[in-house]
Each structure stands twice: as C-alpha cells, then as structure tokens.
Amino acid sequence: MANAKCESCKFFDEHKVNGAVAQHDEGLCRFNPPVNQPGPDAHGLWPVVGSSDWCGHYTPEMTAAE
C-alpha cells in the first residue's frame, strides 16, 4: 500500500498539461465527478487533493503507468 497516494493514481491530474500552475503539491481528482456548483451558471469543480492524500478507491490497477 506504499503507492496508495493520489500522485500515484492514474486519475490524479497535476493540472500542468492544460497550462495551469499547480498550487504546492495539489492536483485534481478525476476519479470523482465535479462537485458543488457555486451558482446556477457556474461549472462544477473537480475535487482538489494533495499529492500525498489517499482515498478508499485505491487499487493497484489504479496506479499510473510510469
């Protein structure tokens, strides 16, 4: 379970591929759907997670390919 952290997950988006700048060690969880629209005309927000965070969805198959 040493790899059971967000940065090892294939659903972790370090948010750099789209030109955005990551805040500290944070990224976006693309496993879970966007949440809580701030207003009726706003888009949902992807959950923000730390690279060393983890969740109960982890399986070895979810580990990102290196």
PDB file of N, CA and C in Angstrom:
ATOM      1  N   MET A   1       0.813  -1.200   0.000  1.00  0.00           N
ATOM      2  CA  MET A   1       0.000   0.000   0.000  1.00  0.00           C
ATOM      3  C   MET A   1       0.857   1.264   0.000  1.00  0.00           C
ATOM      4  N   ALA A   2       2.149   1.135  -0.225  1.00  0.00           N
ATOM      5  CA  ALA A   2       3.027   2.306  -0.249  1.00  0.00           C
ATOM      6  C   ALA A   2       2.653   3.266  -1.380  1.00  0.00           C
ATOM      7  N   ASN A   3       2.062   2.748  -2.458  1.00  0.00           N
ATOM      8  CA  ASN A   3       1.664   3.590  -3.585  1.00  0.00           C
ATOM      9  C   ASN A   3       0.260   4.156  -3.432  1.00  0.00           C
ATOM     10  N   ALA A   4      -0.374   3.918  -2.300  1.00  0.00           N
ATOM     11  CA  ALA A   4      -1.752   4.366  -2.096  1.00  0.00           C
ATOM     12  C   ALA A   4      -1.779   5.855  -1.780  1.00  0.00           C
ATOM     13  N   LYS A   5      -1.398   6.662  -2.755  1.00  0.00           N
ATOM     14  CA  LYS A   5      -1.478   8.108  -2.604  1.00  0.00           C
ATOM     15  C   LYS A   5      -1.855   8.710  -3.950  1.00  0.00           C
ATOM     16  N   CYS A   6      -2.437   9.858  -3.900  1.00  0.00           N
ATOM     17  CA  CYS A   6      -3.004  10.463  -5.103  1.00  0.00           C
ATOM     18  C   CYS A   6      -2.004  10.616  -6.245  1.00  0.00           C
ATOM     19  N   GLU A   7      -0.764  11.012  -5.944  1.00  0.00           N
ATOM     20  CA  GLU A   7       0.196  11.229  -7.031  1.00  0.00           C
ATOM     21  C   GLU A   7       0.515   9.954  -7.797  1.00  0.00           C
ATOM     22  N   SER A   8       0.237   8.786  -7.215  1.00  0.00           N
ATOM     23  CA  SER A   8       0.477   7.513  -7.896  1.00  0.00           C
ATOM     24  C   SER A   8      -0.735   7.039  -8.690  1.00  0.00           C
ATOM     25  N   CYS A   9      -1.855   7.712  -8.537  1.00  0.00           N
ATOM     26  CA  CYS A   9      -3.102   7.289  -9.164  1.00  0.00           C
ATOM     27  C   CYS A   9      -3.211   7.804 -10.597  1.00  0.00           C
ATOM     28  N   LYS A  10      -3.711   6.970 -11.488  1.00  0.00           N
ATOM     29  CA  LYS A  10      -3.862   7.391 -12.880  1.00  0.00           C
ATOM     30  C   LYS A  10      -4.949   8.444 -13.050  1.00  0.00           C
ATOM     31  N   PHE A  11      -5.753   8.677 -12.031  1.00  0.00           N
ATOM     32  CA  PHE A  11      -6.800   9.688 -12.094  1.00  0.00           C
ATOM     33  C   PHE A  11      -6.377  11.013 -11.465  1.00  0.00           C
ATOM     34  N   PHE A  12      -5.124  11.111 -11.001  1.00  0.00           N
ATOM     35  CA  PHE A  12      -4.595  12.351 -10.428  1.00  0.00           C
ATOM     36  C   PHE A  12      -4.123  13.245 -11.561  1.00  0.00           C
ATOM     37  N   ASP A  13      -4.643  14.451 -11.615  1.00  0.00           N
ATOM     38  CA  ASP A  13      -4.265  15.429 -12.638  1.00  0.00           C
ATOM     39  C   ASP A  13      -3.454  16.511 -11.945  1.00  0.00           C
ATOM     40  N   GLU A  14      -2.142  16.544 -12.216  1.00  0.00           N
ATOM     41  CA  GLU A  14      -1.318  17.541 -11.546  1.00  0.00           C
ATOM     42  C   GLU A  14      -1.607  18.932 -12.086  1.00  0.00           C
ATOM     43  N   HIS A  15      -2.490  19.010 -13.047  1.00  0.00           N
ATOM     44  CA  HIS A  15      -3.017  20.284 -13.544  1.00  0.00           C
ATOM     45  C   HIS A  15      -1.954  21.084 -14.287  1.00  0.00           C
ATOM     46  N   LYS A  16      -1.007  20.384 -14.918  1.00  0.00           N
ATOM     47  CA  LYS A  16       0.030  21.073 -15.678  1.00  0.00           C
ATOM     48  C   LYS A  16      -0.156  20.904 -17.177  1.00  0.00           C
ATOM     49  N   VAL A  17      -0.833  19.861 -17.613  1.00  0.00           N
ATOM     50  CA  VAL A  17      -0.978  19.602 -19.042  1.00  0.00           C
ATOM     51  C   VAL A  17      -1.829  20.643 -19.747  1.00  0.00           C
ATOM     52  N   ASN A  18      -2.688  21.327 -19.022  1.00  0.00           N
ATOM     53  CA  ASN A  18      -3.533  22.329 -19.660  1.00  0.00           C
ATOM     54  C   ASN A  18      -2.999  23.740 -19.444  1.00  0.00           C
ATOM     55  N   GLY A  19      -1.736  23.851 -19.032  1.00  0.00           N
ATOM     56  CA  GLY A  19      -1.105  25.146 -18.882  1.00  0.00           C
ATOM     57  C   GLY A  19      -1.321  25.800 -17.530  1.00  0.00           C
ATOM     58  N   ALA A  20      -2.103  25.187 -16.676  1.00  0.00           N
ATOM     59  CA  ALA A  20      -2.346  25.764 -15.352  1.00  0.00           C
ATOM     60  C   ALA A  20      -1.143  25.503 -14.446  1.00  0.00           C
ATOM     61  N   VAL A  21      -1.045  26.257 -13.395  1.00  0.00           N
ATOM     62  CA  VAL A  21       0.039  26.106 -12.446  1.00  0.00           C
ATOM     63  C   VAL A  21      -0.492  25.424 -11.192  1.00  0.00           C
ATOM     64  N   ALA A  22       0.150  24.331 -10.800  1.00  0.00           N
ATOM     65  CA  ALA A  22      -0.269  23.611  -9.598  1.00  0.00           C
ATOM     66  C   ALA A  22       0.048  24.439  -8.361  1.00  0.00           C
ATOM     67  N   GLN A  23      -0.812  24.379  -7.387  1.00  0.00           N
ATOM     68  CA  GLN A  23      -0.594  25.047  -6.113  1.00  0.00           C
ATOM     69  C   GLN A  23       0.077  24.062  -5.169  1.00  0.00           C
ATOM     70  N   HIS A  24       1.305  24.329  -4.785  1.00  0.00           N
ATOM     71  CA  HIS A  24       2.053  23.467  -3.868  1.00  0.00           C
ATOM     72  C   HIS A  24       2.081  22.044  -4.424  1.00  0.00           C
ATOM     73  N   ASP A  25       1.537  21.078  -3.708  1.00  0.00           N
ATOM     74  CA  ASP A  25       1.532  19.692  -4.191  1.00  0.00           C
ATOM     75  C   ASP A  25       0.119  19.249  -4.542  1.00  0.00           C
ATOM     76  N   GLU A  26      -0.748  20.199  -4.851  1.00  0.00           N
ATOM     77  CA  GLU A  26      -2.143  19.876  -5.111  1.00  0.00           C
ATOM     78  C   GLU A  26      -2.383  19.506  -6.563  1.00  0.00           C
ATOM     79  N   GLY A  27      -3.446  18.753  -6.770  1.00  0.00           N
ATOM     80  CA  GLY A  27      -3.886  18.389  -8.103  1.00  0.00           C
ATOM     81  C   GLY A  27      -5.379  18.163  -8.072  1.00  0.00           C
ATOM     82  N   LEU A  28      -5.904  17.671  -9.174  1.00  0.00           N
ATOM     83  CA  LEU A  28      -7.338  17.421  -9.277  1.00  0.00           C
ATOM     84  C   LEU A  28      -7.604  15.931  -9.306  1.00  0.00           C
ATOM     85  N   CYS A  29      -8.634  15.497  -8.602  1.00  0.00           N
ATOM     86  CA  CYS A  29      -9.056  14.105  -8.633  1.00  0.00           C
ATOM     87  C   CYS A  29     -10.032  13.935  -9.786  1.00  0.00           C
ATOM     88  N   ARG A  30      -9.638  13.167 -10.795  1.00  0.00           N
ATOM     89  CA  ARG A  30     -10.508  12.933 -11.949  1.00  0.00           C
ATOM     90  C   ARG A  30     -11.271  11.621 -11.809  1.00  0.00           C
ATOM     91  N   PHE A  31     -11.119  10.932 -10.662  1.00  0.00           N
ATOM     92  CA  PHE A  31     -11.900   9.722 -10.407  1.00  0.00           C
ATOM     93  C   PHE A  31     -13.330  10.106 -10.053  1.00  0.00           C
ATOM     94  N   ASN A  32     -13.450  11.090  -9.195  1.00  0.00           N
ATOM     95  CA  ASN A  32     -14.762  11.546  -8.739  1.00  0.00           C
ATOM     96  C   ASN A  32     -15.280  12.664  -9.638  1.00  0.00           C
ATOM     97  N   PRO A  33     -16.581  12.801  -9.765  1.00  0.00           N
ATOM     98  CA  PRO A  33     -17.147  13.835 -10.631  1.00  0.00           C
ATOM     99  C   PRO A  33     -16.997  15.223 -10.021  1.00  0.00           C
ATOM    100  N   PRO A  34     -17.146  16.265 -10.845  1.00  0.00           N
ATOM    101  CA  PRO A  34     -17.140  17.625 -10.308  1.00  0.00           C
ATOM    102  C   PRO A  34     -18.240  17.791  -9.254  1.00  0.00           C
ATOM    103  N   VAL A  35     -17.997  18.684  -8.313  1.00  0.00           N
ATOM    104  CA  VAL A  35     -18.913  18.876  -7.196  1.00  0.00           C
ATOM    105  C   VAL A  35     -19.304  20.342  -7.029  1.00  0.00           C
ATOM    106  N   ASN A  36     -20.371  20.564  -6.284  1.00  0.00           N
ATOM    107  CA  ASN A  36     -20.825  21.866  -5.808  1.00  0.00           C
ATOM    108  C   ASN A  36     -20.645  23.035  -6.774  1.00  0.00           C
ATOM    109  N   GLN A  37     -21.610  23.230  -7.587  1.00  0.00           N
ATOM    110  CA  GLN A  37     -21.588  24.398  -8.448  1.00  0.00           C
ATOM    111  C   GLN A  37     -21.843  25.632  -7.589  1.00  0.00           C
ATOM    112  N   PRO A  38     -20.952  26.635  -7.667  1.00  0.00           N
ATOM    113  CA  PRO A  38     -21.125  27.826  -6.846  1.00  0.00           C
ATOM    114  C   PRO A  38     -22.370  28.638  -7.196  1.00  0.00           C
ATOM    115  N   GLY A  39     -22.852  28.517  -8.402  1.00  0.00           N
ATOM    116  CA  GLY A  39     -24.048  29.239  -8.826  1.00  0.00           C
ATOM    117  C   GLY A  39     -24.685  28.531  -9.994  1.00  0.00           C
ATOM    118  N   PRO A  40     -25.906  28.898 -10.352  1.00  0.00           N
ATOM    119  CA  PRO A  40     -26.610  28.190 -11.422  1.00  0.00           C
ATOM    120  C   PRO A  40     -25.939  28.289 -12.792  1.00  0.00           C
ATOM    121  N   ASP A  41     -25.149  29.328 -13.031  1.00  0.00           N
ATOM    122  CA  ASP A  41     -24.463  29.494 -14.310  1.00  0.00           C
ATOM    123  C   ASP A  41     -23.012  29.034 -14.274  1.00  0.00           C
ATOM    124  N   ALA A  42     -22.572  28.513 -13.141  1.00  0.00           N
ATOM    125  CA  ALA A  42     -21.177  28.103 -12.972  1.00  0.00           C
ATOM    126  C   ALA A  42     -21.004  26.620 -13.288  1.00  0.00           C
ATOM    127  N   HIS A  43     -19.774  26.254 -13.569  1.00  0.00           N
ATOM    128  CA  HIS A  43     -19.423  24.861 -13.796  1.00  0.00           C
ATOM    129  C   HIS A  43     -19.122  24.195 -12.467  1.00  0.00           C
ATOM    130  N   GLY A  44     -19.263  22.871 -12.414  1.00  0.00           N
ATOM    131  CA  GLY A  44     -18.851  22.127 -11.231  1.00  0.00           C
ATOM    132  C   GLY A  44     -17.344  22.175 -11.090  1.00  0.00           C
ATOM    133  N   LEU A  45     -16.855  21.898  -9.915  1.00  0.00           N
ATOM    134  CA  LEU A  45     -15.422  21.949  -9.628  1.00  0.00           C
ATOM    135  C   LEU A  45     -14.904  20.543  -9.335  1.00  0.00           C
ATOM    136  N   TRP A  46     -13.762  20.197  -9.942  1.00  0.00           N
ATOM    137  CA  TRP A  46     -13.140  18.913  -9.656  1.00  0.00           C
ATOM    138  C   TRP A  46     -12.576  18.953  -8.244  1.00  0.00           C
ATOM    139  N   PRO A  47     -12.662  17.861  -7.496  1.00  0.00           N
ATOM    140  CA  PRO A  47     -12.097  17.845  -6.145  1.00  0.00           C
ATOM    141  C   PRO A  47     -10.586  18.103  -6.168  1.00  0.00           C
ATOM    142  N   VAL A  48     -10.132  19.012  -5.311  1.00  0.00           N
ATOM    143  CA  VAL A  48      -8.701  19.311  -5.187  1.00  0.00           C
ATOM    144  C   VAL A  48      -8.135  18.410  -4.098  1.00  0.00           C
ATOM    145  N   VAL A  49      -7.029  17.739  -4.425  1.00  0.00           N
ATOM    146  CA  VAL A  49      -6.382  16.820  -3.482  1.00  0.00           C
ATOM    147  C   VAL A  49      -4.885  17.118  -3.435  1.00  0.00           C
ATOM    148  N   GLY A  50      -4.257  16.743  -2.346  1.00  0.00           N
ATOM    149  CA  GLY A  50      -2.802  16.837  -2.232  1.00  0.00           C
ATOM    150  C   GLY A  50      -2.166  15.593  -2.825  1.00  0.00           C
ATOM    151  N   SER A  51      -0.946  15.720  -3.304  1.00  0.00           N
ATOM    152  CA  SER A  51      -0.298  14.566  -3.943  1.00  0.00           C
ATOM    153  C   SER A  51      -0.092  13.409  -2.975  1.00  0.00           C
ATOM    154  N   SER A  52       0.029  13.686  -1.681  1.00  0.00           N
ATOM    155  CA  SER A  52       0.227  12.602  -0.720  1.00  0.00           C
ATOM    156  C   SER A  52      -1.073  12.174  -0.048  1.00  0.00           C
ATOM    157  N   ASP A  53      -2.210  12.758  -0.472  1.00  0.00           N
ATOM    158  CA  ASP A  53      -3.510  12.310   0.026  1.00  0.00           C
ATOM    159  C   ASP A  53      -3.797  10.908  -0.503  1.00  0.00           C
ATOM    160  N   TRP A  54      -4.813  10.267  -0.002  1.00  0.00           N
ATOM    161  CA  TRP A  54      -5.231   8.944  -0.476  1.00  0.00           C
ATOM    162  C   TRP A  54      -6.722   8.802  -0.224  1.00  0.00           C
ATOM    163  N   CYS A  55      -7.328   7.820  -0.873  1.00  0.00           N
ATOM    164  CA  CYS A  55      -8.750   7.578  -0.656  1.00  0.00           C
ATOM    165  C   CYS A  55      -9.022   6.071  -0.640  1.00  0.00           C
ATOM    166  N   GLY A  56     -10.234   5.711  -0.338  1.00  0.00           N
ATOM    167  CA  GLY A  56     -10.612   4.311  -0.264  1.00  0.00           C
ATOM    168  C   GLY A  56     -10.842   3.651  -1.610  1.00  0.00           C
ATOM    169  N   HIS A  57     -10.703   4.394  -2.692  1.00  0.00           N
ATOM    170  CA  HIS A  57     -10.891   3.819  -4.024  1.00  0.00           C
ATOM    171  C   HIS A  57      -9.626   3.135  -4.542  1.00  0.00           C
ATOM    172  N   TYR A  58      -8.507   3.294  -3.831  1.00  0.00           N
ATOM    173  CA  TYR A  58      -7.230   2.799  -4.341  1.00  0.00           C
ATOM    174  C   TYR A  58      -7.214   1.287  -4.546  1.00  0.00           C
ATOM    175  N   THR A  59      -6.725   0.892  -5.706  1.00  0.00           N
ATOM    176  CA  THR A  59      -6.377  -0.496  -6.015  1.00  0.00           C
ATOM    177  C   THR A  59      -5.065  -0.442  -6.805  1.00  0.00           C
ATOM    178  N   PRO A  60      -4.276  -1.493  -6.810  1.00  0.00           N
ATOM    179  CA  PRO A  60      -3.032  -1.477  -7.590  1.00  0.00           C
ATOM    180  C   PRO A  60      -3.286  -1.180  -9.076  1.00  0.00           C
ATOM    181  N   GLU A  61      -4.445  -1.542  -9.603  1.00  0.00           N
ATOM    182  CA  GLU A  61      -4.760  -1.285 -11.013  1.00  0.00           C
ATOM    183  C   GLU A  61      -4.919   0.209 -11.301  1.00  0.00           C
ATOM    184  N   MET A  62      -5.171   0.996 -10.278  1.00  0.00           N
ATOM    185  CA  MET A  62      -5.352   2.442 -10.474  1.00  0.00           C
ATOM    186  C   MET A  62      -4.036   3.192 -10.463  1.00  0.00           C
ATOM    187  N   THR A  63      -2.929   2.496 -10.230  1.00  0.00           N
ATOM    188  CA  THR A  63      -1.640   3.143 -10.208  1.00  0.00           C
ATOM    189  C   THR A  63      -1.287   3.605 -11.618  1.00  0.00           C
ATOM    190  N   ALA A  64      -0.811   4.842 -11.719  1.00  0.00           N
ATOM    191  CA  ALA A  64      -0.464   5.415 -13.013  1.00  0.00           C
ATOM    192  C   ALA A  64       0.710   4.667 -13.632  1.00  0.00           C
ATOM    193  N   ALA A  65       0.669   4.505 -14.938  1.00  0.00           N
ATOM    194  CA  ALA A  65       1.787   3.895 -15.658  1.00  0.00           C
ATOM    195  C   ALA A  65       2.949   4.864 -15.677  1.00  0.00           C
ATOM    196  N   GLU A  66       4.124   4.362 -15.478  1.00  0.00           N
ATOM    197  CA  GLU A  66       5.297   5.244 -15.446  1.00  0.00           C
ATOM    198  C   GLU A  66       5.958   5.313 -16.787  1.00  0.00           C
TER     199      GLU A  66
END
